[in-house]
Amino acid sequence: MLKLTYTNDGFYIESLEQSLEAWVTNRVMLALRSGTSLCVEPSTASILIPLDFPCLDQLLENAKALTGEIVEITPCDQHSLEVVLEGTWLGADVASEEGLFVCRLSDRLESLLSGWSAVRQEW
């Protein structure tokens, strides 16, 4: 499972071993027990991948086989591509700009996107 955390400072990607269903259930239980609001809804998330990403060819090559995981890959500008993923949004409310996006992906795709995240941290 891939988890994208959106904050005021940007976003972070991490790969988790826990199943999507178990992780979402734990988050809902935490919100119930702590009395905090939580909106859980199907959604999409976009990630901008620079064209000079070392594994870009592998990502594009594997994207064709990953139908259902990657909704779309489109050119964004002269420097990047937009990768759209399907998953679940968890936030304080529907319009929240901060929150978590989780999705179930193949090990290969998680590895490629996590690799991009590691490279992005170095830049």
Foldseek 3Di string as FASTA:
>chain_A
DWKWWFDPVGIAIDDDPDDPVVVVVVVVVVCVVVVAAKDKDKDKDKDKFFPVQPCVVVCVVCVVVFPQAWPDWACDDPTTIITMGIFMWMDRDPPDRGGMTDDDGDPVNSVSVNSRRVVVVVD
